[in-house]
ModelCIF file with pLDDT and N, C-alpha, C, O atoms, coordinates in Angstrom:
data_MODEL
#
_entry.id   MODEL 
#
_entity.id                         1 
_entity.type                       polymer 
_entity.pdbx_number_of_molecules   1 
#
_entity_poly.entity_id                      1 
_entity_poly.type                           'polypeptide(L)' 
_entity_poly.nstd_linkage                   no 
_entity_poly.nstd_monomer                   no 
_entity_poly.pdbx_seq_one_letter_code       TEGLINYKARFVRQIIRGNGATFEERLAIIRSEVQAVEMAFGLT 
_entity_poly.pdbx_seq_one_letter_code_can   TEGLINYKARFVRQIIRGNGATFEERLAIIRSEVQAVEMAFGLT 
_entity_poly.pdbx_strand_id                 A 
#
loop_
_entity_poly_seq.entity_id 
_entity_poly_seq.num 
_entity_poly_seq.mon_id 
_entity_poly_seq.hetero 
1 1  THR n 
1 2  GLU n 
1 3  GLY n 
1 4  LEU n 
1 5  ILE n 
1 6  ASN n 
1 7  TYR n 
1 8  LYS n 
1 9  ALA n 
1 10 ARG n 
1 11 PHE n 
1 12 VAL n 
1 13 ARG n 
1 14 GLN n 
1 15 ILE n 
1 16 ILE n 
1 17 ARG n 
1 18 GLY n 
1 19 ASN n 
1 20 GLY n 
1 21 ALA n 
1 22 THR n 
1 23 PHE n 
1 24 GLU n 
1 25 GLU n 
1 26 ARG n 
1 27 LEU n 
1 28 ALA n 
1 29 ILE n 
1 30 ILE n 
1 31 ARG n 
1 32 SER n 
1 33 GLU n 
1 34 VAL n 
1 35 GLN n 
1 36 ALA n 
1 37 VAL n 
1 38 GLU n 
1 39 MET n 
1 40 ALA n 
1 41 PHE n 
1 42 GLY n 
1 43 LEU n 
1 44 THR n 
#
_struct_asym.id          A 
_struct_asym.entity_id   1 
#
loop_
_ma_qa_metric.id 
_ma_qa_metric.mode 
_ma_qa_metric.name 
_ma_qa_metric.software_group_id 
_ma_qa_metric.type 
1 global pLDDT . pLDDT 
2 local  pLDDT . pLDDT 
#
_ma_qa_metric_global.metric_id      1 
_ma_qa_metric_global.metric_value   84.23 
_ma_qa_metric_global.model_id       1 
_ma_qa_metric_global.ordinal_id     1 
#
loop_
_ma_qa_metric_local.label_asym_id 
_ma_qa_metric_local.label_comp_id 
_ma_qa_metric_local.label_seq_id 
_ma_qa_metric_local.metric_id 
_ma_qa_metric_local.metric_value 
_ma_qa_metric_local.model_id 
_ma_qa_metric_local.ordinal_id 
A THR 1  2 85.00 1 1  
A GLU 2  2 87.00 1 2  
A GLY 3  2 89.00 1 3  
A LEU 4  2 93.00 1 4  
A ILE 5  2 92.00 1 5  
A ASN 6  2 86.00 1 6  
A TYR 7  2 83.00 1 7  
A LYS 8  2 84.00 1 8  
A ALA 9  2 89.00 1 9  
A ARG 10 2 91.00 1 10 
A PHE 11 2 95.00 1 11 
A VAL 12 2 96.00 1 12 
A ARG 13 2 94.00 1 13 
A GLN 14 2 94.00 1 14 
A ILE 15 2 92.00 1 15 
A ILE 16 2 87.00 1 16 
A ARG 17 2 82.00 1 17 
A GLY 18 2 71.00 1 18 
A ASN 19 2 57.00 1 19 
A GLY 20 2 59.00 1 20 
A ALA 21 2 79.00 1 21 
A THR 22 2 88.00 1 22 
A PHE 23 2 89.00 1 23 
A GLU 24 2 88.00 1 24 
A GLU 25 2 88.00 1 25 
A ARG 26 2 90.00 1 26 
A LEU 27 2 89.00 1 27 
A ALA 28 2 87.00 1 28 
A ILE 29 2 88.00 1 29 
A ILE 30 2 90.00 1 30 
A ARG 31 2 87.00 1 31 
A SER 32 2 84.00 1 32 
A GLU 33 2 88.00 1 33 
A VAL 34 2 88.00 1 34 
A GLN 35 2 83.00 1 35 
A ALA 36 2 82.00 1 36 
A VAL 37 2 86.00 1 37 
A GLU 38 2 83.00 1 38 
A MET 39 2 77.00 1 39 
A ALA 40 2 77.00 1 40 
A PHE 41 2 81.00 1 41 
A GLY 42 2 78.00 1 42 
A LEU 43 2 75.00 1 43 
A THR 44 2 55.00 1 44 
#
loop_
_atom_site.group_PDB 
_atom_site.id 
_atom_site.type_symbol 
_atom_site.label_atom_id 
_atom_site.label_alt_id 
_atom_site.label_comp_id 
_atom_site.label_asym_id 
_atom_site.label_entity_id 
_atom_site.label_seq_id 
_atom_site.pdbx_PDB_ins_code 
_atom_site.Cartn_x 
_atom_site.Cartn_y 
_atom_site.Cartn_z 
_atom_site.occupancy 
_atom_site.B_iso_or_equiv 
_atom_site.pdbx_formal_charge 
_atom_site.auth_seq_id 
_atom_site.auth_comp_id 
_atom_site.auth_asym_id 
_atom_site.auth_atom_id 
_atom_site.pdbx_PDB_model_num 
ATOM 1   N N  . THR A 1 1  ? -16.045 -3.526  9.351   1.00 85.00 ? 1  THR A N  1 
ATOM 2   C CA . THR A 1 1  ? -16.733 -3.162  8.540   1.00 85.00 ? 1  THR A CA 1 
ATOM 3   C C  . THR A 1 1  ? -16.974 -1.847  7.853   1.00 85.00 ? 1  THR A C  1 
ATOM 4   O O  . THR A 1 1  ? -17.995 -1.460  7.284   1.00 85.00 ? 1  THR A O  1 
ATOM 5   N N  . GLU A 1 2  ? -15.393 -1.016  8.090   1.00 87.00 ? 2  GLU A N  1 
ATOM 6   C CA . GLU A 1 2  ? -15.815 0.473   7.952   1.00 87.00 ? 2  GLU A CA 1 
ATOM 7   C C  . GLU A 1 2  ? -14.399 0.487   6.514   1.00 87.00 ? 2  GLU A C  1 
ATOM 8   O O  . GLU A 1 2  ? -14.303 1.570   5.935   1.00 87.00 ? 2  GLU A O  1 
ATOM 9   N N  . GLY A 1 3  ? -13.612 -0.433  6.128   1.00 89.00 ? 3  GLY A N  1 
ATOM 10  C CA . GLY A 1 3  ? -13.197 -0.371  5.203   1.00 89.00 ? 3  GLY A CA 1 
ATOM 11  C C  . GLY A 1 3  ? -11.836 0.451   5.875   1.00 89.00 ? 3  GLY A C  1 
ATOM 12  O O  . GLY A 1 3  ? -11.383 1.434   5.289   1.00 89.00 ? 3  GLY A O  1 
ATOM 13  N N  . LEU A 1 4  ? -11.319 0.025   6.973   1.00 93.00 ? 4  LEU A N  1 
ATOM 14  C CA . LEU A 1 4  ? -10.402 1.317   7.375   1.00 93.00 ? 4  LEU A CA 1 
ATOM 15  C C  . LEU A 1 4  ? -9.210  -0.213  7.981   1.00 93.00 ? 4  LEU A C  1 
ATOM 16  O O  . LEU A 1 4  ? -8.371  0.010   8.855   1.00 93.00 ? 4  LEU A O  1 
ATOM 17  N N  . ILE A 1 5  ? -9.275  -0.853  7.699   1.00 92.00 ? 5  ILE A N  1 
ATOM 18  C CA . ILE A 1 5  ? -7.713  -2.122  7.590   1.00 92.00 ? 5  ILE A CA 1 
ATOM 19  C C  . ILE A 1 5  ? -8.055  -3.031  6.166   1.00 92.00 ? 5  ILE A C  1 
ATOM 20  O O  . ILE A 1 5  ? -8.954  -3.282  5.364   1.00 92.00 ? 5  ILE A O  1 
ATOM 21  N N  . ASN A 1 6  ? -6.459  -3.352  6.534   1.00 86.00 ? 6  ASN A N  1 
ATOM 22  C CA . ASN A 1 6  ? -6.444  -4.086  5.237   1.00 86.00 ? 6  ASN A CA 1 
ATOM 23  C C  . ASN A 1 6  ? -6.807  -3.964  3.956   1.00 86.00 ? 6  ASN A C  1 
ATOM 24  O O  . ASN A 1 6  ? -7.672  -3.125  3.707   1.00 86.00 ? 6  ASN A O  1 
ATOM 25  N N  . TYR A 1 7  ? -6.229  -4.780  2.830   1.00 83.00 ? 7  TYR A N  1 
ATOM 26  C CA . TYR A 1 7  ? -6.314  -4.142  1.327   1.00 83.00 ? 7  TYR A CA 1 
ATOM 27  C C  . TYR A 1 7  ? -6.186  -3.308  0.702   1.00 83.00 ? 7  TYR A C  1 
ATOM 28  O O  . TYR A 1 7  ? -5.010  -3.000  0.511   1.00 83.00 ? 7  TYR A O  1 
ATOM 29  N N  . LYS A 1 8  ? -7.216  -2.478  0.041   1.00 84.00 ? 8  LYS A N  1 
ATOM 30  C CA . LYS A 1 8  ? -7.090  -0.800  -0.183  1.00 84.00 ? 8  LYS A CA 1 
ATOM 31  C C  . LYS A 1 8  ? -7.967  -0.172  0.910   1.00 84.00 ? 8  LYS A C  1 
ATOM 32  O O  . LYS A 1 8  ? -8.793  0.701   0.645   1.00 84.00 ? 8  LYS A O  1 
ATOM 33  N N  . ALA A 1 9  ? -7.712  -0.759  2.440   1.00 89.00 ? 9  ALA A N  1 
ATOM 34  C CA . ALA A 1 9  ? -8.296  0.472   3.385   1.00 89.00 ? 9  ALA A CA 1 
ATOM 35  C C  . ALA A 1 9  ? -8.169  1.391   3.391   1.00 89.00 ? 9  ALA A C  1 
ATOM 36  O O  . ALA A 1 9  ? -7.341  1.735   2.548   1.00 89.00 ? 9  ALA A O  1 
ATOM 37  N N  . ARG A 1 10 ? -8.862  2.726   4.347   1.00 91.00 ? 10 ARG A N  1 
ATOM 38  C CA . ARG A 1 10 ? -8.753  3.874   4.334   1.00 91.00 ? 10 ARG A CA 1 
ATOM 39  C C  . ARG A 1 10 ? -7.251  4.162   5.610   1.00 91.00 ? 10 ARG A C  1 
ATOM 40  O O  . ARG A 1 10 ? -6.343  4.954   5.354   1.00 91.00 ? 10 ARG A O  1 
ATOM 41  N N  . PHE A 1 11 ? -7.309  3.419   6.781   1.00 95.00 ? 11 PHE A N  1 
ATOM 42  C CA . PHE A 1 11 ? -6.161  3.466   7.396   1.00 95.00 ? 11 PHE A CA 1 
ATOM 43  C C  . PHE A 1 11 ? -5.439  2.305   7.352   1.00 95.00 ? 11 PHE A C  1 
ATOM 44  O O  . PHE A 1 11 ? -4.981  2.541   8.469   1.00 95.00 ? 11 PHE A O  1 
ATOM 45  N N  . VAL A 1 12 ? -4.862  1.137   7.033   1.00 96.00 ? 12 VAL A N  1 
ATOM 46  C CA . VAL A 1 12 ? -3.875  0.471   6.888   1.00 96.00 ? 12 VAL A CA 1 
ATOM 47  C C  . VAL A 1 12 ? -4.242  -0.580  5.672   1.00 96.00 ? 12 VAL A C  1 
ATOM 48  O O  . VAL A 1 12 ? -5.210  -1.340  5.655   1.00 96.00 ? 12 VAL A O  1 
ATOM 49  N N  . ARG A 1 13 ? -3.421  -0.461  4.852   1.00 94.00 ? 13 ARG A N  1 
ATOM 50  C CA . ARG A 1 13 ? -3.552  -1.379  3.287   1.00 94.00 ? 13 ARG A CA 1 
ATOM 51  C C  . ARG A 1 13 ? -2.384  -2.208  3.418   1.00 94.00 ? 13 ARG A C  1 
ATOM 52  O O  . ARG A 1 13 ? -1.244  -1.989  3.828   1.00 94.00 ? 13 ARG A O  1 
ATOM 53  N N  . GLN A 1 14 ? -2.912  -3.114  3.009   1.00 94.00 ? 14 GLN A N  1 
ATOM 54  C CA . GLN A 1 14 ? -1.895  -4.565  2.746   1.00 94.00 ? 14 GLN A CA 1 
ATOM 55  C C  . GLN A 1 14 ? -1.900  -4.980  1.347   1.00 94.00 ? 14 GLN A C  1 
ATOM 56  O O  . GLN A 1 14 ? -2.943  -5.411  0.856   1.00 94.00 ? 14 GLN A O  1 
ATOM 57  N N  . ILE A 1 15 ? -0.689  -4.877  0.573   1.00 92.00 ? 15 ILE A N  1 
ATOM 58  C CA . ILE A 1 15 ? -0.474  -5.673  -0.721  1.00 92.00 ? 15 ILE A CA 1 
ATOM 59  C C  . ILE A 1 15 ? 0.024   -7.246  -0.992  1.00 92.00 ? 15 ILE A C  1 
ATOM 60  O O  . ILE A 1 15 ? 1.078   -7.790  -1.323  1.00 92.00 ? 15 ILE A O  1 
ATOM 61  N N  . ILE A 1 16 ? -1.774  -7.801  -0.557  1.00 87.00 ? 16 ILE A N  1 
ATOM 62  C CA . ILE A 1 16 ? -1.822  -9.185  -0.505  1.00 87.00 ? 16 ILE A CA 1 
ATOM 63  C C  . ILE A 1 16 ? -1.370  -10.320 -1.773  1.00 87.00 ? 16 ILE A C  1 
ATOM 64  O O  . ILE A 1 16 ? -1.776  -10.416 -2.931  1.00 87.00 ? 16 ILE A O  1 
ATOM 65  N N  . ARG A 1 17 ? -0.504  -10.995 -1.114  1.00 82.00 ? 17 ARG A N  1 
ATOM 66  C CA . ARG A 1 17 ? -0.063  -11.958 -2.671  1.00 82.00 ? 17 ARG A CA 1 
ATOM 67  C C  . ARG A 1 17 ? -1.279  -12.144 -3.195  1.00 82.00 ? 17 ARG A C  1 
ATOM 68  O O  . ARG A 1 17 ? -2.239  -11.811 -2.500  1.00 82.00 ? 17 ARG A O  1 
ATOM 69  N N  . GLY A 1 18 ? -1.573  -12.857 -4.865  1.00 71.00 ? 18 GLY A N  1 
ATOM 70  C CA . GLY A 1 18 ? -2.201  -13.029 -5.147  1.00 71.00 ? 18 GLY A CA 1 
ATOM 71  C C  . GLY A 1 18 ? -2.533  -11.911 -6.331  1.00 71.00 ? 18 GLY A C  1 
ATOM 72  O O  . GLY A 1 18 ? -1.763  -11.001 -6.641  1.00 71.00 ? 18 GLY A O  1 
ATOM 73  N N  . ASN A 1 19 ? -4.335  -12.254 -7.163  1.00 57.00 ? 19 ASN A N  1 
ATOM 74  C CA . ASN A 1 19 ? -4.335  -11.108 -7.936  1.00 57.00 ? 19 ASN A CA 1 
ATOM 75  C C  . ASN A 1 19 ? -3.155  -11.244 -9.416  1.00 57.00 ? 19 ASN A C  1 
ATOM 76  O O  . ASN A 1 19 ? -2.953  -10.390 -10.280 1.00 57.00 ? 19 ASN A O  1 
ATOM 77  N N  . GLY A 1 20 ? -2.559  -12.574 -9.286  1.00 59.00 ? 20 GLY A N  1 
ATOM 78  C CA . GLY A 1 20 ? -1.158  -12.502 -10.130 1.00 59.00 ? 20 GLY A CA 1 
ATOM 79  C C  . GLY A 1 20 ? 0.563   -11.418 -10.022 1.00 59.00 ? 20 GLY A C  1 
ATOM 80  O O  . GLY A 1 20 ? 1.646   -11.619 -10.571 1.00 59.00 ? 20 GLY A O  1 
ATOM 81  N N  . ALA A 1 21 ? 0.225   -10.593 -9.320  1.00 79.00 ? 21 ALA A N  1 
ATOM 82  C CA . ALA A 1 21 ? 1.080   -9.904  -9.004  1.00 79.00 ? 21 ALA A CA 1 
ATOM 83  C C  . ALA A 1 21 ? 2.536   -10.785 -8.879  1.00 79.00 ? 21 ALA A C  1 
ATOM 84  O O  . ALA A 1 21 ? 2.422   -11.866 -8.301  1.00 79.00 ? 21 ALA A O  1 
ATOM 85  N N  . THR A 1 22 ? 3.426   -10.542 -9.201  1.00 88.00 ? 22 THR A N  1 
ATOM 86  C CA . THR A 1 22 ? 5.128   -10.483 -8.801  1.00 88.00 ? 22 THR A CA 1 
ATOM 87  C C  . THR A 1 22 ? 5.362   -10.142 -8.196  1.00 88.00 ? 22 THR A C  1 
ATOM 88  O O  . THR A 1 22 ? 5.037   -8.964  -8.048  1.00 88.00 ? 22 THR A O  1 
ATOM 89  N N  . PHE A 1 23 ? 6.456   -11.028 -6.853  1.00 89.00 ? 23 PHE A N  1 
ATOM 90  C CA . PHE A 1 23 ? 6.369   -10.179 -5.346  1.00 89.00 ? 23 PHE A CA 1 
ATOM 91  C C  . PHE A 1 23 ? 7.503   -9.380  -5.961  1.00 89.00 ? 23 PHE A C  1 
ATOM 92  O O  . PHE A 1 23 ? 7.910   -8.706  -5.016  1.00 89.00 ? 23 PHE A O  1 
ATOM 93  N N  . GLU A 1 24 ? 8.292   -9.063  -7.106  1.00 88.00 ? 24 GLU A N  1 
ATOM 94  C CA . GLU A 1 24 ? 8.532   -7.567  -7.373  1.00 88.00 ? 24 GLU A CA 1 
ATOM 95  C C  . GLU A 1 24 ? 7.766   -6.634  -7.849  1.00 88.00 ? 24 GLU A C  1 
ATOM 96  O O  . GLU A 1 24 ? 8.057   -5.459  -8.071  1.00 88.00 ? 24 GLU A O  1 
ATOM 97  N N  . GLU A 1 25 ? 6.675   -7.236  -8.017  1.00 88.00 ? 25 GLU A N  1 
ATOM 98  C CA . GLU A 1 25 ? 5.528   -5.934  -8.451  1.00 88.00 ? 25 GLU A CA 1 
ATOM 99  C C  . GLU A 1 25 ? 5.007   -5.428  -7.622  1.00 88.00 ? 25 GLU A C  1 
ATOM 100 O O  . GLU A 1 25 ? 4.814   -4.213  -7.593  1.00 88.00 ? 25 GLU A O  1 
ATOM 101 N N  . ARG A 1 26 ? 4.528   -6.501  -6.448  1.00 90.00 ? 26 ARG A N  1 
ATOM 102 C CA . ARG A 1 26 ? 4.338   -6.088  -5.250  1.00 90.00 ? 26 ARG A CA 1 
ATOM 103 C C  . ARG A 1 26 ? 5.084   -4.675  -4.699  1.00 90.00 ? 26 ARG A C  1 
ATOM 104 O O  . ARG A 1 26 ? 4.692   -3.508  -4.652  1.00 90.00 ? 26 ARG A O  1 
ATOM 105 N N  . LEU A 1 27 ? 6.398   -5.363  -4.288  1.00 89.00 ? 27 LEU A N  1 
ATOM 106 C CA . LEU A 1 27 ? 7.486   -4.538  -3.523  1.00 89.00 ? 27 LEU A CA 1 
ATOM 107 C C  . LEU A 1 27 ? 7.036   -3.162  -4.682  1.00 89.00 ? 27 LEU A C  1 
ATOM 108 O O  . LEU A 1 27 ? 6.628   -2.130  -4.148  1.00 89.00 ? 27 LEU A O  1 
ATOM 109 N N  . ALA A 1 28 ? 7.100   -3.190  -5.744  1.00 87.00 ? 28 ALA A N  1 
ATOM 110 C CA . ALA A 1 28 ? 7.628   -1.878  -6.738  1.00 87.00 ? 28 ALA A CA 1 
ATOM 111 C C  . ALA A 1 28 ? 6.269   -1.087  -6.284  1.00 87.00 ? 28 ALA A C  1 
ATOM 112 O O  . ALA A 1 28 ? 6.359   -0.073  -5.593  1.00 87.00 ? 28 ALA A O  1 
ATOM 113 N N  . ILE A 1 29 ? 5.009   -1.605  -6.708  1.00 88.00 ? 29 ILE A N  1 
ATOM 114 C CA . ILE A 1 29 ? 3.653   -1.142  -5.516  1.00 88.00 ? 29 ILE A CA 1 
ATOM 115 C C  . ILE A 1 29 ? 3.474   -0.539  -4.009  1.00 88.00 ? 29 ILE A C  1 
ATOM 116 O O  . ILE A 1 29 ? 2.689   0.353   -3.685  1.00 88.00 ? 29 ILE A O  1 
ATOM 117 N N  . ILE A 1 30 ? 4.373   -1.226  -3.180  1.00 90.00 ? 30 ILE A N  1 
ATOM 118 C CA . ILE A 1 30 ? 4.428   -0.790  -1.709  1.00 90.00 ? 30 ILE A CA 1 
ATOM 119 C C  . ILE A 1 30 ? 5.459   0.391   -1.822  1.00 90.00 ? 30 ILE A C  1 
ATOM 120 O O  . ILE A 1 30 ? 5.049   1.471   -1.395  1.00 90.00 ? 30 ILE A O  1 
ATOM 121 N N  . ARG A 1 31 ? 6.572   0.358   -2.265  1.00 87.00 ? 31 ARG A N  1 
ATOM 122 C CA . ARG A 1 31 ? 7.527   1.629   -2.437  1.00 87.00 ? 31 ARG A CA 1 
ATOM 123 C C  . ARG A 1 31 ? 7.063   2.645   -3.053  1.00 87.00 ? 31 ARG A C  1 
ATOM 124 O O  . ARG A 1 31 ? 7.377   3.742   -2.591  1.00 87.00 ? 31 ARG A O  1 
ATOM 125 N N  . SER A 1 32 ? 5.993   2.592   -4.539  1.00 84.00 ? 32 SER A N  1 
ATOM 126 C CA . SER A 1 32 ? 5.714   3.850   -4.516  1.00 84.00 ? 32 SER A CA 1 
ATOM 127 C C  . SER A 1 32 ? 4.556   4.443   -3.979  1.00 84.00 ? 32 SER A C  1 
ATOM 128 O O  . SER A 1 32 ? 4.439   5.650   -4.191  1.00 84.00 ? 32 SER A O  1 
ATOM 129 N N  . GLU A 1 33 ? 3.469   3.751   -3.186  1.00 88.00 ? 33 GLU A N  1 
ATOM 130 C CA . GLU A 1 33 ? 2.498   4.211   -1.925  1.00 88.00 ? 33 GLU A CA 1 
ATOM 131 C C  . GLU A 1 33 ? 3.355   4.658   -0.481  1.00 88.00 ? 33 GLU A C  1 
ATOM 132 O O  . GLU A 1 33 ? 3.167   5.699   0.150   1.00 88.00 ? 33 GLU A O  1 
ATOM 133 N N  . VAL A 1 34 ? 4.291   3.630   -0.167  1.00 88.00 ? 34 VAL A N  1 
ATOM 134 C CA . VAL A 1 34 ? 4.623   4.460   1.033   1.00 88.00 ? 34 VAL A CA 1 
ATOM 135 C C  . VAL A 1 34 ? 5.228   6.034   0.706   1.00 88.00 ? 34 VAL A C  1 
ATOM 136 O O  . VAL A 1 34 ? 5.002   7.031   1.392   1.00 88.00 ? 34 VAL A O  1 
ATOM 137 N N  . GLN A 1 35 ? 6.028   5.972   -0.492  1.00 83.00 ? 35 GLN A N  1 
ATOM 138 C CA . GLN A 1 35 ? 6.263   7.473   -0.657  1.00 83.00 ? 35 GLN A CA 1 
ATOM 139 C C  . GLN A 1 35 ? 5.675   8.078   -1.323  1.00 83.00 ? 35 GLN A C  1 
ATOM 140 O O  . GLN A 1 35 ? 6.136   8.680   -2.292  1.00 83.00 ? 35 GLN A O  1 
ATOM 141 N N  . ALA A 1 36 ? 4.676   8.073   -1.024  1.00 82.00 ? 36 ALA A N  1 
ATOM 142 C CA . ALA A 1 36 ? 3.001   8.779   -1.925  1.00 82.00 ? 36 ALA A CA 1 
ATOM 143 C C  . ALA A 1 36 ? 3.045   9.304   -0.562  1.00 82.00 ? 36 ALA A C  1 
ATOM 144 O O  . ALA A 1 36 ? 3.373   10.440  -0.221  1.00 82.00 ? 36 ALA A O  1 
ATOM 145 N N  . VAL A 1 37 ? 2.506   7.886   0.503   1.00 86.00 ? 37 VAL A N  1 
ATOM 146 C CA . VAL A 1 37 ? 2.670   8.540   1.865   1.00 86.00 ? 37 VAL A CA 1 
ATOM 147 C C  . VAL A 1 37 ? 3.174   9.553   2.650   1.00 86.00 ? 37 VAL A C  1 
ATOM 148 O O  . VAL A 1 37 ? 2.437   10.427  3.106   1.00 86.00 ? 37 VAL A O  1 
ATOM 149 N N  . GLU A 1 38 ? 4.382   9.518   2.855   1.00 83.00 ? 38 GLU A N  1 
ATOM 150 C CA . GLU A 1 38 ? 5.376   9.936   3.202   1.00 83.00 ? 38 GLU A CA 1 
ATOM 151 C C  . GLU A 1 38 ? 5.320   11.119  2.892   1.00 83.00 ? 38 GLU A C  1 
ATOM 152 O O  . GLU A 1 38 ? 5.066   11.872  3.832   1.00 83.00 ? 38 GLU A O  1 
ATOM 153 N N  . MET A 1 39 ? 5.568   11.907  1.207   1.00 77.00 ? 39 MET A N  1 
ATOM 154 C CA . MET A 1 39 ? 5.336   12.958  0.932   1.00 77.00 ? 39 MET A CA 1 
ATOM 155 C C  . MET A 1 39 ? 3.564   14.180  1.065   1.00 77.00 ? 39 MET A C  1 
ATOM 156 O O  . MET A 1 39 ? 3.446   15.403  0.997   1.00 77.00 ? 39 MET A O  1 
ATOM 157 N N  . ALA A 1 40 ? 2.692   13.252  1.233   1.00 77.00 ? 40 ALA A N  1 
ATOM 158 C CA . ALA A 1 40 ? 1.771   13.257  1.899   1.00 77.00 ? 40 ALA A CA 1 
ATOM 159 C C  . ALA A 1 40 ? 1.630   13.893  3.298   1.00 77.00 ? 40 ALA A C  1 
ATOM 160 O O  . ALA A 1 40 ? 0.717   14.696  3.493   1.00 77.00 ? 40 ALA A O  1 
ATOM 161 N N  . PHE A 1 41 ? 2.331   13.629  4.091   1.00 81.00 ? 41 PHE A N  1 
ATOM 162 C CA . PHE A 1 41 ? 2.435   14.236  5.562   1.00 81.00 ? 41 PHE A CA 1 
ATOM 163 C C  . PHE A 1 41 ? 4.090   14.274  5.858   1.00 81.00 ? 41 PHE A C  1 
ATOM 164 O O  . PHE A 1 41 ? 4.643   13.814  6.857   1.00 81.00 ? 41 PHE A O  1 
ATOM 165 N N  . GLY A 1 42 ? 4.738   14.955  4.702   1.00 78.00 ? 42 GLY A N  1 
ATOM 166 C CA . GLY A 1 42 ? 5.987   16.130  5.261   1.00 78.00 ? 42 GLY A CA 1 
ATOM 167 C C  . GLY A 1 42 ? 7.071   14.781  5.373   1.00 78.00 ? 42 GLY A C  1 
ATOM 168 O O  . GLY A 1 42 ? 8.160   15.156  5.806   1.00 78.00 ? 42 GLY A O  1 
ATOM 169 N N  . LEU A 1 43 ? 7.023   13.395  5.100   1.00 75.00 ? 43 LEU A N  1 
ATOM 170 C CA . LEU A 1 43 ? 8.066   12.889  5.864   1.00 75.00 ? 43 LEU A CA 1 
ATOM 171 C C  . LEU A 1 43 ? 9.235   12.783  4.793   1.00 75.00 ? 43 LEU A C  1 
ATOM 172 O O  . LEU A 1 43 ? 9.417   11.725  4.190   1.00 75.00 ? 43 LEU A O  1 
ATOM 173 N N  . THR A 1 44 ? 9.994   13.862  4.580   1.00 55.00 ? 44 THR A N  1 
ATOM 174 C CA . THR A 1 44 ? 10.857  14.163  3.580   1.00 55.00 ? 44 THR A CA 1 
ATOM 175 C C  . THR A 1 44 ? 12.081  13.065  3.560   1.00 55.00 ? 44 THR A C  1 
ATOM 176 O O  . THR A 1 44 ? 12.979  13.157  2.723   1.00 55.00 ? 44 THR A O  1 
#
């Protein structure tokens, strides 16, 4: 109930099926958000 895991949570996020997004769109979102996390934490 703390918004920590799953969906758009603070700790673990999941880009789930649904909401009309295609597999390729989900893949692009994941790639973009993962790269943002890597940059934020110095994983270059």
